[in-house]
Protein backbone atom coordinates (compact mmCIF):
# COMPACT_ATOMS: atom_id res chain seq x y z
CA MET A 1 0.00 0.00 0.00
CA PHE A 2 2.78 2.42 0.88
CA ARG A 3 5.21 1.24 -1.79
CA PRO A 4 5.36 3.38 -4.92
CA LYS A 5 4.21 1.75 -8.11
CA LEU A 6 6.65 2.43 -10.92
CA PRO A 7 5.22 2.54 -14.41
CA THR A 8 6.45 -0.04 -16.88
CA MET A 9 8.43 1.17 -19.84
CA PRO A 10 6.43 0.82 -23.07
CA GLN A 11 7.89 -1.54 -25.64
CA PRO A 12 8.26 -0.35 -29.24
CA THR A 13 5.50 -1.52 -31.53
CA GLY A 14 5.65 -2.21 -35.22
CA GLN A 15 8.67 -2.97 -37.34
CA VAL A 16 11.87 -1.32 -36.21
CA THR A 17 14.16 -0.37 -39.10
CA PRO A 18 17.90 0.16 -38.71
CA PRO A 19 19.26 3.61 -39.56
CA ASP A 20 20.24 4.29 -43.16
CA VAL A 21 23.91 4.13 -44.08
CA VAL A 22 25.26 7.42 -45.33
CA GLU A 23 27.59 6.98 -48.28
CA PRO A 24 30.33 9.56 -48.86
CA THR A 25 30.04 11.69 -51.96
CA THR A 26 32.84 12.73 -54.22
CA ILE A 27 33.60 16.35 -54.96
CA ILE A 28 33.91 17.16 -58.65
CA PRO A 29 35.96 20.28 -59.30
CA GLY A 30 34.18 22.66 -61.63
CA THR A 31 35.13 25.77 -63.48
CA SER A 32 35.79 28.79 -61.34
CA THR A 33 33.58 31.82 -61.77
CA PRO A 34 34.86 35.35 -61.36
CA PRO A 35 33.84 37.01 -58.09
CA ALA A 36 30.77 39.22 -58.23
CA PRO A 37 31.30 42.97 -57.85
CA VAL A 38 30.92 44.20 -54.29
CA ALA A 39 27.68 46.12 -53.72
CA PRO A 40 27.87 49.35 -51.69
CA VAL A 41 26.84 49.08 -48.06
CA PRO A 42 23.34 50.53 -47.56
CA VAL A 43 23.02 53.51 -45.25
CA PRO A 44 20.79 52.83 -42.21
CA SER A 45 17.35 54.32 -42.72
CA ARG A 46 16.87 55.27 -39.05
CA PRO A 47 18.41 58.58 -38.06
CA THR A 48 20.45 58.84 -34.90
CA VAL A 49 18.77 60.38 -31.86
CA GLN A 50 19.89 63.92 -31.25
CA LEU A 51 19.04 65.64 -27.99
CA THR A 52 18.54 69.34 -28.24
CA PRO A 53 18.48 71.49 -25.11
CA GLY A 54 14.68 71.67 -25.35
CA THR A 55 14.18 67.90 -25.47
CA ALA A 56 16.69 67.37 -22.66
CA LEU A 57 14.79 69.89 -20.53
CA ALA A 58 11.49 68.15 -21.34
CA LEU A 59 12.93 64.78 -20.33
CA VAL A 60 14.24 66.17 -17.04
CA GLY A 61 10.89 67.85 -16.35
CA GLY A 62 8.95 64.67 -17.12
CA GLY A 63 11.20 62.58 -14.91
CA THR A 64 10.86 65.06 -12.07
CA ALA A 65 7.07 65.03 -12.40
CA VAL A 66 6.98 61.22 -12.29
CA VAL A 67 9.18 61.14 -9.18
CA LEU A 68 7.02 63.75 -7.44
CA VAL A 69 3.76 61.97 -8.24
CA VAL A 70 5.05 58.57 -7.12
CA GLY A 71 6.48 60.13 -3.95
CA ALA A 72 3.18 61.85 -3.15
CA VAL A 73 1.26 58.60 -3.60
CA LEU A 74 3.65 56.68 -1.34
CA VAL A 75 3.59 59.38 1.35
CA SER A 76 -0.20 59.50 1.30
CA MET A 77 -0.37 55.71 1.68
CA LEU A 78 2.04 55.89 4.62
CA LEU A 79 -0.06 58.61 6.25
CA ALA A 80 -3.23 56.56 5.75
CA VAL A 81 -1.65 53.58 7.49
CA ALA A 82 -0.36 55.76 10.34
CA ILE A 83 -3.74 57.45 10.90
CA THR A 84 -5.53 54.10 10.82
CA GLY A 85 -3.11 52.65 13.37
CA ALA A 86 -3.52 55.64 15.67
CA SER A 87 -7.32 55.48 15.50
CA VAL A 88 -7.30 51.74 16.25
CA ALA A 89 -5.04 52.40 19.26
CA VAL A 90 -7.37 55.11 20.57
CA CYS A 91 -10.38 52.80 20.13
CA ALA A 92 -8.55 50.04 22.02
CA LEU A 93 -7.80 52.43 24.91
CA VAL A 94 -11.42 53.59 25.10
CA ILE A 95 -12.77 50.02 25.08
CA ARG A 96 -10.25 48.94 27.73
CA SER A 97 -11.17 51.84 29.99
CA LEU A 98 -14.89 51.06 29.58
CA VAL A 99 -14.33 47.39 30.43
CA ASN A 100 -12.18 48.26 33.44
CA ALA A 101 -14.69 50.84 34.72
CA ASP A 102 -17.53 48.34 34.36
CA ALA A 103 -15.53 45.66 36.22
CA LYS A 104 -14.79 48.04 39.16
CA ARG A 105 -18.48 48.85 39.66
CA ARG A 106 -19.41 45.21 40.27
């Protein structure tokens, strides 16, 4: 019951053929042809990227805006967690004081 059952290896079915024998071929020398003329190298169609002062300033401004927005979102999430934790702590103190006051009256 607790011993693993290993699957049996399937046996090949049908007629098994041996691999074909590769016979070597002979090389027949032919007449030599003159080399083709060398074609000129094509110029790349994509122009290189050139940064002007205006585009560099736009990139810096865009990066700064992204950093500020992400920072504001993270800070607001941190503040939300801190405010939630503080309110839960205040609620716990109020409930504890109510339970203790009720226990002292009895």
